[in-house]
């Protein structure tokens, strides 16, 4: 059977396709827009008499903003709730002290050879041999 070398190329933008449900918005955007409007209306009718129109309007915007963000904000393929989860897990839950320790790969690879050459040099050097014997005696006496 002969193998064919045909390759179908599809643009990566096809993954970002979303079907528009209402006024050009996706289903996710529509649901969160309706929810944001409902929250803003509820806050307006709840606080209009108590706080006045200006403060209530700011409160409505602040109350609806997170729900609007959940529908519209997308960063590096993550929706807002994914971004919030990642932020909480990286900032609040993982409190590790990161310490930068230098690492000499060349020394790590050659360490056995270096130690071997030191031992050989100790064998040939009388003073170093005496020092090593004195250290061994101290270890035995302890």
C-alpha atoms as a PDB file:
ATOM      1  CA  UNK A   1       0.000   0.000   0.000  1.00  0.00           C
ATOM      2  CA  UNK A   2       1.376   3.374  -0.986  1.00  0.00           C
ATOM      3  CA  UNK A   3       1.637   6.047   1.689  1.00  0.00           C
ATOM      4  CA  UNK A   4       0.335   9.453   0.711  1.00  0.00           C
ATOM      5  CA  UNK A   5       2.084  12.663   1.696  1.00  0.00           C
ATOM      6  CA  UNK A   6      -1.015  14.823   1.797  1.00  0.00           C
ATOM      7  CA  UNK A   7      -1.328  17.142   4.720  1.00  0.00           C
ATOM      8  CA  UNK A   8      -4.394  19.196   5.485  1.00  0.00           C
ATOM      9  CA  UNK A   9      -3.531  22.588   6.913  1.00  0.00           C
ATOM     10  CA  UNK A  10      -6.087  24.174   9.212  1.00  0.00           C
ATOM     11  CA  UNK A  11      -5.686  27.632  10.661  1.00  0.00           C
ATOM     12  CA  UNK A  12      -5.238  27.839  14.429  1.00  0.00           C
ATOM     13  CA  UNK A  13      -7.935  30.518  14.605  1.00  0.00           C
ATOM     14  CA  UNK A  14     -10.554  27.821  14.037  1.00  0.00           C
ATOM     15  CA  UNK A  15     -10.202  26.887  17.709  1.00  0.00           C
ATOM     16  CA  UNK A  16     -11.286  30.378  18.733  1.00  0.00           C
ATOM     17  CA  UNK A  17     -14.574  30.178  16.846  1.00  0.00           C
ATOM     18  CA  UNK A  18     -17.648  30.795  18.980  1.00  0.00           C
ATOM     19  CA  UNK A  19     -21.205  30.788  17.784  1.00  0.00           C
ATOM     20  CA  UNK A  20     -23.059  34.030  18.411  1.00  0.00           C
ATOM     21  CA  UNK A  21     -26.283  33.591  20.346  1.00  0.00           C
ATOM     22  CA  UNK A  22     -27.594  37.100  21.024  1.00  0.00           C
ATOM     23  CA  UNK A  23     -26.404  40.403  19.522  1.00  0.00           C
ATOM     24  CA  UNK A  24     -23.088  38.871  18.423  1.00  0.00           C
ATOM     25  CA  UNK A  25     -22.265  37.535  21.889  1.00  0.00           C
ATOM     26  CA  UNK A  26     -21.358  33.955  22.632  1.00  0.00           C
ATOM     27  CA  UNK A  27     -23.431  31.898  25.056  1.00  0.00           C
ATOM     28  CA  UNK A  28     -20.954  32.527  27.854  1.00  0.00           C
ATOM     29  CA  UNK A  29     -20.911  36.269  27.225  1.00  0.00           C
ATOM     30  CA  UNK A  30     -24.717  36.410  27.001  1.00  0.00           C
ATOM     31  CA  UNK A  31     -25.239  34.566  30.299  1.00  0.00           C
ATOM     32  CA  UNK A  32     -22.719  36.695  32.202  1.00  0.00           C
ATOM     33  CA  UNK A  33     -24.053  39.927  30.624  1.00  0.00           C
ATOM     34  CA  UNK A  34     -27.586  39.102  31.765  1.00  0.00           C
ATOM     35  CA  UNK A  35     -26.252  38.189  35.216  1.00  0.00           C
ATOM     36  CA  UNK A  36     -24.274  41.466  35.439  1.00  0.00           C
ATOM     37  CA  UNK A  37     -27.362  43.477  34.446  1.00  0.00           C
ATOM     38  CA  UNK A  38     -29.477  41.631  37.023  1.00  0.00           C
ATOM     39  CA  UNK A  39     -26.909  42.311  39.756  1.00  0.00           C
ATOM     40  CA  UNK A  40     -26.701  46.007  38.778  1.00  0.00           C
ATOM     41  CA  UNK A  41     -30.503  46.372  38.774  1.00  0.00           C
ATOM     42  CA  UNK A  42     -30.819  44.596  42.109  1.00  0.00           C
ATOM     43  CA  UNK A  43     -28.186  46.835  43.693  1.00  0.00           C
ATOM     44  CA  UNK A  44     -29.846  49.924  42.210  1.00  0.00           C
ATOM     45  CA  UNK A  45     -33.278  49.173  43.640  1.00  0.00           C
ATOM     46  CA  UNK A  46     -31.795  48.033  46.961  1.00  0.00           C
ATOM     47  CA  UNK A  47     -29.617  51.095  47.638  1.00  0.00           C
ATOM     48  CA  UNK A  48     -31.220  53.992  45.670  1.00  0.00           C
ATOM     49  CA  UNK A  49     -33.279  55.275  48.596  1.00  0.00           C
ATOM     50  CA  UNK A  50     -30.546  54.754  51.206  1.00  0.00           C
ATOM     51  CA  UNK A  51     -27.410  56.046  49.473  1.00  0.00           C
ATOM     52  CA  UNK A  52     -28.588  58.370  46.699  1.00  0.00           C
ATOM     53  CA  UNK A  53     -28.236  58.098  42.933  1.00  0.00           C
ATOM     54  CA  UNK A  54     -24.534  58.879  42.506  1.00  0.00           C
ATOM     55  CA  UNK A  55     -23.162  56.444  45.081  1.00  0.00           C
ATOM     56  CA  UNK A  56     -25.679  53.803  43.993  1.00  0.00           C
ATOM     57  CA  UNK A  57     -24.554  54.106  40.353  1.00  0.00           C
ATOM     58  CA  UNK A  58     -20.920  53.533  41.380  1.00  0.00           C
ATOM     59  CA  UNK A  59     -21.975  50.597  43.523  1.00  0.00           C
ATOM     60  CA  UNK A  60     -23.892  49.113  40.571  1.00  0.00           C
ATOM     61  CA  UNK A  61     -20.822  49.363  38.337  1.00  0.00           C
ATOM     62  CA  UNK A  62     -18.575  47.806  40.964  1.00  0.00           C
ATOM     63  CA  UNK A  63     -21.088  45.021  41.589  1.00  0.00           C
ATOM     64  CA  UNK A  64     -21.583  44.191  37.908  1.00  0.00           C
ATOM     65  CA  UNK A  65     -17.911  44.451  36.857  1.00  0.00           C
ATOM     66  CA  UNK A  66     -16.780  41.026  38.147  1.00  0.00           C
ATOM     67  CA  UNK A  67     -19.636  39.241  36.390  1.00  0.00           C
ATOM     68  CA  UNK A  68     -18.934  41.092  33.158  1.00  0.00           C
ATOM     69  CA  UNK A  69     -15.264  40.139  33.496  1.00  0.00           C
ATOM     70  CA  UNK A  70     -16.208  36.465  33.885  1.00  0.00           C
ATOM     71  CA  UNK A  71     -17.936  36.635  30.509  1.00  0.00           C
ATOM     72  CA  UNK A  72     -15.553  38.742  28.467  1.00  0.00           C
ATOM     73  CA  UNK A  73     -11.990  38.608  29.828  1.00  0.00           C
ATOM     74  CA  UNK A  74      -9.748  35.911  28.401  1.00  0.00           C
ATOM     75  CA  UNK A  75      -5.976  35.868  28.862  1.00  0.00           C
ATOM     76  CA  UNK A  76      -3.624  33.259  27.353  1.00  0.00           C
ATOM     77  CA  UNK A  77      -6.494  30.843  26.759  1.00  0.00           C
ATOM     78  CA  UNK A  78      -7.778  31.099  30.340  1.00  0.00           C
ATOM     79  CA  UNK A  79     -11.094  32.574  31.394  1.00  0.00           C
ATOM     80  CA  UNK A  80     -11.342  34.893  34.380  1.00  0.00           C
ATOM     81  CA  UNK A  81     -12.205  32.154  36.875  1.00  0.00           C
ATOM     82  CA  UNK A  82      -9.113  30.206  35.768  1.00  0.00           C
ATOM     83  CA  UNK A  83      -6.980  33.326  36.180  1.00  0.00           C
ATOM     84  CA  UNK A  84      -8.397  33.902  39.685  1.00  0.00           C
ATOM     85  CA  UNK A  85      -7.747  30.243  40.643  1.00  0.00           C
ATOM     86  CA  UNK A  86      -4.165  30.449  39.391  1.00  0.00           C
ATOM     87  CA  UNK A  87      -3.571  33.748  41.209  1.00  0.00           C
ATOM     88  CA  UNK A  88      -4.897  32.357  44.482  1.00  0.00           C
ATOM     89  CA  UNK A  89      -2.882  29.166  44.187  1.00  0.00           C
ATOM     90  CA  UNK A  90       0.340  30.924  43.232  1.00  0.00           C
ATOM     91  CA  UNK A  91       0.193  33.860  45.664  1.00  0.00           C
ATOM     92  CA  UNK A  92      -1.721  32.606  48.688  1.00  0.00           C
ATOM     93  CA  UNK A  93      -1.320  28.849  48.822  1.00  0.00           C
ATOM     94  CA  UNK A  94       2.282  28.361  47.763  1.00  0.00           C
ATOM     95  CA  UNK A  95       4.421  30.294  50.202  1.00  0.00           C
ATOM     96  CA  UNK A  96       7.782  28.799  49.417  1.00  0.00           C
ATOM     97  CA  UNK A  97      11.011  30.663  49.959  1.00  0.00           C
ATOM     98  CA  UNK A  98      12.848  30.426  46.685  1.00  0.00           C
ATOM     99  CA  UNK A  99      16.605  30.552  47.143  1.00  0.00           C
ATOM    100  CA  UNK A 100      18.964  30.828  44.227  1.00  0.00           C
ATOM    101  CA  UNK A 101      21.840  28.440  44.869  1.00  0.00           C
ATOM    102  CA  UNK A 102      24.632  28.414  42.319  1.00  0.00           C
ATOM    103  CA  UNK A 103      25.219  25.040  40.716  1.00  0.00           C
ATOM    104  CA  UNK A 104      28.486  24.117  39.054  1.00  0.00           C
ATOM    105  CA  UNK A 105      27.652  21.327  36.618  1.00  0.00           C
ATOM    106  CA  UNK A 106      31.274  21.003  35.529  1.00  0.00           C
ATOM    107  CA  UNK A 107      32.384  20.365  39.134  1.00  0.00           C
ATOM    108  CA  UNK A 108      29.534  17.896  39.743  1.00  0.00           C
ATOM    109  CA  UNK A 109      30.544  15.843  36.712  1.00  0.00           C
ATOM    110  CA  UNK A 110      34.268  15.867  37.506  1.00  0.00           C
ATOM    111  CA  UNK A 111      33.982  15.492  41.313  1.00  0.00           C
ATOM    112  CA  UNK A 112      34.944  11.781  41.384  1.00  0.00           C
ATOM    113  CA  UNK A 113      38.066  12.477  39.332  1.00  0.00           C
ATOM    114  CA  UNK A 114      38.986  15.463  41.491  1.00  0.00           C
ATOM    115  CA  UNK A 115      38.623  13.448  44.698  1.00  0.00           C
ATOM    116  CA  UNK A 116      40.679  10.625  43.209  1.00  0.00           C
ATOM    117  CA  UNK A 117      43.468  12.992  42.216  1.00  0.00           C
ATOM    118  CA  UNK A 118      43.450  14.511  45.728  1.00  0.00           C
ATOM    119  CA  UNK A 119      43.835  11.059  47.269  1.00  0.00           C
ATOM    120  CA  UNK A 120      46.700  10.289  44.932  1.00  0.00           C
ATOM    121  CA  UNK A 121      48.418  13.552  45.818  1.00  0.00           C
ATOM    122  CA  UNK A 122      48.016  12.806  49.547  1.00  0.00           C
ATOM    123  CA  UNK A 123      49.732   9.448  49.083  1.00  0.00           C
ATOM    124  CA  UNK A 124      52.748  11.174  47.538  1.00  0.00           C
ATOM    125  CA  UNK A 125      52.984  14.064  49.980  1.00  0.00           C
ATOM    126  CA  UNK A 126      54.445  13.277  53.428  1.00  0.00           C
ATOM    127  CA  UNK A 127      53.049  16.312  55.211  1.00  0.00           C
ATOM    128  CA  UNK A 128      49.544  15.739  53.937  1.00  0.00           C
ATOM    129  CA  UNK A 129      49.827  12.060  54.866  1.00  0.00           C
ATOM    130  CA  UNK A 130      50.741  12.995  58.451  1.00  0.00           C
ATOM    131  CA  UNK A 131      47.793  15.411  58.628  1.00  0.00           C
ATOM    132  CA  UNK A 132      45.415  12.742  57.365  1.00  0.00           C
ATOM    133  CA  UNK A 133      46.720  10.189  59.900  1.00  0.00           C
ATOM    134  CA  UNK A 134      46.277  12.704  62.719  1.00  0.00           C
ATOM    135  CA  UNK A 135      42.692  13.322  61.616  1.00  0.00           C
ATOM    136  CA  UNK A 136      42.015   9.578  61.521  1.00  0.00           C
ATOM    137  CA  UNK A 137      43.410   9.213  65.072  1.00  0.00           C
ATOM    138  CA  UNK A 138      41.145  12.012  66.279  1.00  0.00           C
ATOM    139  CA  UNK A 139      38.153  10.265  64.736  1.00  0.00           C
ATOM    140  CA  UNK A 140      39.083   6.930  66.366  1.00  0.00           C
ATOM    141  CA  UNK A 141      39.665   8.518  69.788  1.00  0.00           C
ATOM    142  CA  UNK A 142      36.354  10.393  69.721  1.00  0.00           C
END
